[in-house]
Amino acid sequence: MKPRITMSLTASGELEIWLNEKGRDLLVRELLKLNEKNEHFHLFPDGELDTSTIAYRATDKIIWSGKVLFRTDECDRKHYPHVMMG
């Protein structure tokens, strides 16, 4: 079976990320690669991290694409200090 990653919003607006074993392993591998020089990756159908477009429930809204960004605290303090207030 190939990796399967499905991102969706529930009817109440909650983000859900559905993964099979290979999808989980692939997502974790990509997350672990993130650093200051390799600071993001994309998720989309037939993309860097292939996502599924088939909803698990009829009421779910598929999220077709996304981006994961790695941010160091030092960089955020300098460029986005407002996010450090919590």
N, C-alpha and C. Protein backbone atom coordinates (compact mmCIF):
# COMPACT_ATOMS: atom_id res chain seq x y z
N MET A 1 0.84 -1.17 0.00
CA MET A 1 0.00 0.00 0.00
C MET A 1 0.89 1.25 0.00
N LYS A 2 0.50 2.26 -0.75
CA LYS A 2 1.28 3.50 -0.81
C LYS A 2 0.94 4.41 0.38
N PRO A 3 1.82 5.38 0.66
CA PRO A 3 1.53 6.32 1.75
C PRO A 3 0.22 7.06 1.47
N ARG A 4 -0.57 7.26 2.52
CA ARG A 4 -1.83 7.99 2.37
C ARG A 4 -1.90 9.04 3.46
N ILE A 5 -2.03 10.29 3.02
CA ILE A 5 -2.18 11.43 3.92
C ILE A 5 -3.41 12.19 3.44
N THR A 6 -4.39 12.32 4.32
CA THR A 6 -5.61 13.05 3.98
C THR A 6 -5.79 14.16 5.00
N MET A 7 -5.88 15.39 4.50
CA MET A 7 -6.11 16.54 5.37
C MET A 7 -7.53 17.03 5.12
N SER A 8 -8.28 17.22 6.19
CA SER A 8 -9.66 17.67 6.02
C SER A 8 -10.11 18.52 7.20
N LEU A 9 -11.19 19.26 6.96
CA LEU A 9 -11.87 20.00 8.02
C LEU A 9 -13.18 19.29 8.28
N THR A 10 -13.48 19.10 9.56
CA THR A 10 -14.76 18.50 9.92
C THR A 10 -15.87 19.54 9.74
N ALA A 11 -17.10 19.11 9.87
CA ALA A 11 -18.24 20.02 9.75
C ALA A 11 -18.16 21.15 10.78
N SER A 12 -17.51 20.88 11.93
CA SER A 12 -17.38 21.92 12.96
C SER A 12 -16.11 22.76 12.79
N GLY A 13 -15.33 22.50 11.73
CA GLY A 13 -14.14 23.29 11.44
C GLY A 13 -12.85 22.79 12.04
N GLU A 14 -12.84 21.58 12.60
CA GLU A 14 -11.64 21.02 13.20
C GLU A 14 -10.76 20.39 12.12
N LEU A 15 -9.46 20.69 12.16
CA LEU A 15 -8.50 20.09 11.25
C LEU A 15 -8.25 18.65 11.66
N GLU A 16 -8.32 17.73 10.70
CA GLU A 16 -7.94 16.34 10.93
C GLU A 16 -6.94 15.93 9.86
N ILE A 17 -5.91 15.23 10.28
CA ILE A 17 -4.94 14.67 9.34
C ILE A 17 -4.98 13.17 9.52
N TRP A 18 -5.46 12.49 8.49
CA TRP A 18 -5.60 11.03 8.52
C TRP A 18 -4.38 10.42 7.84
N LEU A 19 -3.76 9.42 8.47
CA LEU A 19 -2.54 8.80 7.96
C LEU A 19 -2.62 7.29 8.04
N ASN A 20 -2.15 6.61 6.99
CA ASN A 20 -1.89 5.19 7.18
C ASN A 20 -0.44 5.07 7.66
N GLU A 21 0.04 3.86 7.89
CA GLU A 21 1.38 3.68 8.45
C GLU A 21 2.46 4.31 7.57
N LYS A 22 2.38 4.08 6.27
CA LYS A 22 3.39 4.64 5.36
C LYS A 22 3.27 6.16 5.27
N GLY A 23 2.06 6.68 5.33
CA GLY A 23 1.87 8.13 5.34
C GLY A 23 2.45 8.76 6.58
N ARG A 24 2.24 8.12 7.73
CA ARG A 24 2.82 8.60 9.00
C ARG A 24 4.34 8.62 8.92
N ASP A 25 4.91 7.52 8.46
CA ASP A 25 6.37 7.43 8.38
C ASP A 25 6.93 8.49 7.44
N LEU A 26 6.28 8.72 6.32
CA LEU A 26 6.73 9.72 5.36
C LEU A 26 6.64 11.12 5.96
N LEU A 27 5.53 11.43 6.62
CA LEU A 27 5.37 12.75 7.24
C LEU A 27 6.42 12.97 8.33
N VAL A 28 6.66 11.98 9.16
CA VAL A 28 7.66 12.10 10.22
C VAL A 28 9.05 12.29 9.61
N ARG A 29 9.37 11.55 8.56
CA ARG A 29 10.67 11.69 7.89
C ARG A 29 10.86 13.12 7.39
N GLU A 30 9.82 13.67 6.75
CA GLU A 30 9.91 15.04 6.22
C GLU A 30 10.03 16.05 7.36
N LEU A 31 9.29 15.85 8.44
CA LEU A 31 9.40 16.75 9.59
C LEU A 31 10.80 16.75 10.17
N LEU A 32 11.41 15.57 10.27
CA LEU A 32 12.75 15.46 10.84
C LEU A 32 13.83 16.08 9.95
N LYS A 33 13.55 16.26 8.67
CA LYS A 33 14.50 16.89 7.75
C LYS A 33 14.52 18.41 7.88
N LEU A 34 13.49 18.98 8.50
CA LEU A 34 13.41 20.43 8.58
C LEU A 34 14.51 21.01 9.46
N ASN A 35 15.09 22.11 8.99
CA ASN A 35 16.11 22.84 9.73
C ASN A 35 16.17 24.26 9.17
N GLU A 36 17.14 25.05 9.59
CA GLU A 36 17.22 26.44 9.16
C GLU A 36 17.47 26.59 7.66
N LYS A 37 18.09 25.62 7.03
CA LYS A 37 18.36 25.70 5.60
C LYS A 37 17.28 25.00 4.76
N ASN A 38 16.66 24.00 5.31
CA ASN A 38 15.57 23.26 4.66
C ASN A 38 14.33 23.52 5.51
N GLU A 39 13.72 24.71 5.32
CA GLU A 39 12.77 25.20 6.30
C GLU A 39 11.29 24.98 5.97
N HIS A 40 10.99 24.31 4.87
CA HIS A 40 9.58 24.03 4.60
C HIS A 40 9.41 22.89 3.59
N PHE A 41 8.21 22.34 3.57
CA PHE A 41 7.80 21.42 2.51
C PHE A 41 6.32 21.61 2.26
N HIS A 42 5.90 21.16 1.09
CA HIS A 42 4.51 21.30 0.67
C HIS A 42 3.80 19.96 0.68
N LEU A 43 2.52 20.01 0.95
CA LEU A 43 1.65 18.84 0.85
C LEU A 43 0.58 19.16 -0.18
N PHE A 44 0.47 18.36 -1.22
CA PHE A 44 -0.59 18.52 -2.20
C PHE A 44 -0.63 17.28 -3.09
N PRO A 45 -1.79 17.05 -3.74
CA PRO A 45 -1.89 15.86 -4.59
C PRO A 45 -0.79 15.84 -5.66
N ASP A 46 -0.14 14.72 -5.80
CA ASP A 46 0.95 14.53 -6.76
C ASP A 46 2.10 15.50 -6.55
N GLY A 47 2.32 15.92 -5.30
CA GLY A 47 3.36 16.89 -5.00
C GLY A 47 4.47 16.30 -4.16
N GLU A 48 5.21 17.18 -3.49
CA GLU A 48 6.33 16.77 -2.63
C GLU A 48 5.88 15.69 -1.65
N LEU A 49 4.83 15.97 -0.94
CA LEU A 49 4.18 14.98 -0.08
C LEU A 49 2.78 14.82 -0.63
N ASP A 50 2.54 13.74 -1.29
CA ASP A 50 1.27 13.48 -1.97
C ASP A 50 0.13 13.35 -0.97
N THR A 51 -0.93 14.10 -1.18
CA THR A 51 -2.10 14.02 -0.31
C THR A 51 -3.28 13.43 -1.08
N SER A 52 -4.16 12.79 -0.33
CA SER A 52 -5.35 12.20 -0.90
C SER A 52 -6.46 13.24 -0.98
N THR A 53 -7.32 13.10 -1.96
CA THR A 53 -8.44 14.02 -2.14
C THR A 53 -9.77 13.33 -1.86
N ILE A 54 -9.71 12.18 -1.22
CA ILE A 54 -10.93 11.43 -0.91
C ILE A 54 -11.23 11.59 0.58
N ALA A 55 -12.37 12.20 0.88
CA ALA A 55 -12.76 12.45 2.26
C ALA A 55 -13.17 11.15 2.96
N TYR A 56 -12.93 11.09 4.24
CA TYR A 56 -13.36 9.95 5.04
C TYR A 56 -14.86 10.00 5.34
N ARG A 57 -15.37 11.21 5.51
CA ARG A 57 -16.81 11.39 5.78
C ARG A 57 -17.38 12.36 4.76
N ALA A 58 -18.64 12.16 4.44
CA ALA A 58 -19.30 13.02 3.45
C ALA A 58 -19.35 14.47 3.90
N THR A 59 -19.32 14.72 5.20
CA THR A 59 -19.39 16.08 5.72
C THR A 59 -18.04 16.77 5.81
N ASP A 60 -16.95 16.05 5.55
CA ASP A 60 -15.61 16.63 5.61
C ASP A 60 -15.32 17.46 4.37
N LYS A 61 -14.54 18.52 4.55
CA LYS A 61 -14.06 19.33 3.43
C LYS A 61 -12.57 19.05 3.28
N ILE A 62 -12.18 18.55 2.12
CA ILE A 62 -10.77 18.22 1.86
C ILE A 62 -9.94 19.49 1.80
N ILE A 63 -8.78 19.46 2.44
CA ILE A 63 -7.79 20.52 2.29
C ILE A 63 -6.83 20.02 1.22
N TRP A 64 -6.81 20.65 0.08
CA TRP A 64 -6.06 20.18 -1.08
C TRP A 64 -4.57 20.39 -0.96
N SER A 65 -4.18 21.47 -0.30
CA SER A 65 -2.74 21.73 -0.22
C SER A 65 -2.40 22.39 1.10
N GLY A 66 -1.14 22.26 1.46
CA GLY A 66 -0.66 22.87 2.69
C GLY A 66 0.85 23.02 2.65
N LYS A 67 1.36 23.71 3.63
CA LYS A 67 2.79 23.97 3.73
C LYS A 67 3.17 23.85 5.21
N VAL A 68 4.26 23.16 5.48
CA VAL A 68 4.79 23.06 6.83
C VAL A 68 6.07 23.88 6.87
N LEU A 69 6.13 24.82 7.82
CA LEU A 69 7.29 25.72 7.93
C LEU A 69 7.98 25.54 9.27
N PHE A 70 9.29 25.41 9.22
CA PHE A 70 10.13 25.32 10.41
C PHE A 70 10.58 26.72 10.79
N ARG A 71 10.35 27.10 12.03
CA ARG A 71 10.70 28.44 12.49
C ARG A 71 11.51 28.33 13.78
N THR A 72 12.69 28.92 13.80
CA THR A 72 13.46 28.96 15.04
C THR A 72 12.93 30.10 15.91
N ASP A 73 13.08 29.95 17.22
CA ASP A 73 12.65 31.01 18.13
C ASP A 73 13.43 32.30 17.86
N GLU A 74 14.71 32.17 17.56
CA GLU A 74 15.54 33.35 17.28
C GLU A 74 14.99 34.13 16.08
N CYS A 75 14.68 33.43 15.03
CA CYS A 75 14.14 34.08 13.83
C CYS A 75 12.77 34.71 14.11
N ASP A 76 11.93 34.00 14.83
CA ASP A 76 10.61 34.55 15.15
C ASP A 76 10.70 35.76 16.07
N ARG A 77 11.63 35.73 17.03
CA ARG A 77 11.82 36.91 17.89
C ARG A 77 12.18 38.13 17.06
N LYS A 78 12.98 37.92 16.03
CA LYS A 78 13.45 39.03 15.19
C LYS A 78 12.36 39.49 14.21
N HIS A 79 11.71 38.55 13.54
CA HIS A 79 10.80 38.91 12.44
C HIS A 79 9.31 38.89 12.81
N TYR A 80 8.94 38.07 13.77
CA TYR A 80 7.53 37.92 14.16
C TYR A 80 7.41 37.89 15.68
N PRO A 81 7.84 38.95 16.36
CA PRO A 81 7.86 38.89 17.83
C PRO A 81 6.48 38.68 18.45
N HIS A 82 5.44 39.04 17.76
CA HIS A 82 4.09 38.88 18.32
C HIS A 82 3.73 37.41 18.57
N VAL A 83 4.35 36.49 17.84
CA VAL A 83 4.02 35.06 18.06
C VAL A 83 4.73 34.50 19.29
N MET A 84 5.67 35.25 19.83
CA MET A 84 6.42 34.80 21.00
C MET A 84 5.73 35.18 22.29
N MET A 85 4.57 35.79 22.23
CA MET A 85 3.87 36.31 23.40
C MET A 85 2.97 35.28 24.05
N GLY A 86 3.25 34.04 24.02
CA GLY A 86 2.30 33.11 24.63
C GLY A 86 2.91 31.96 25.31
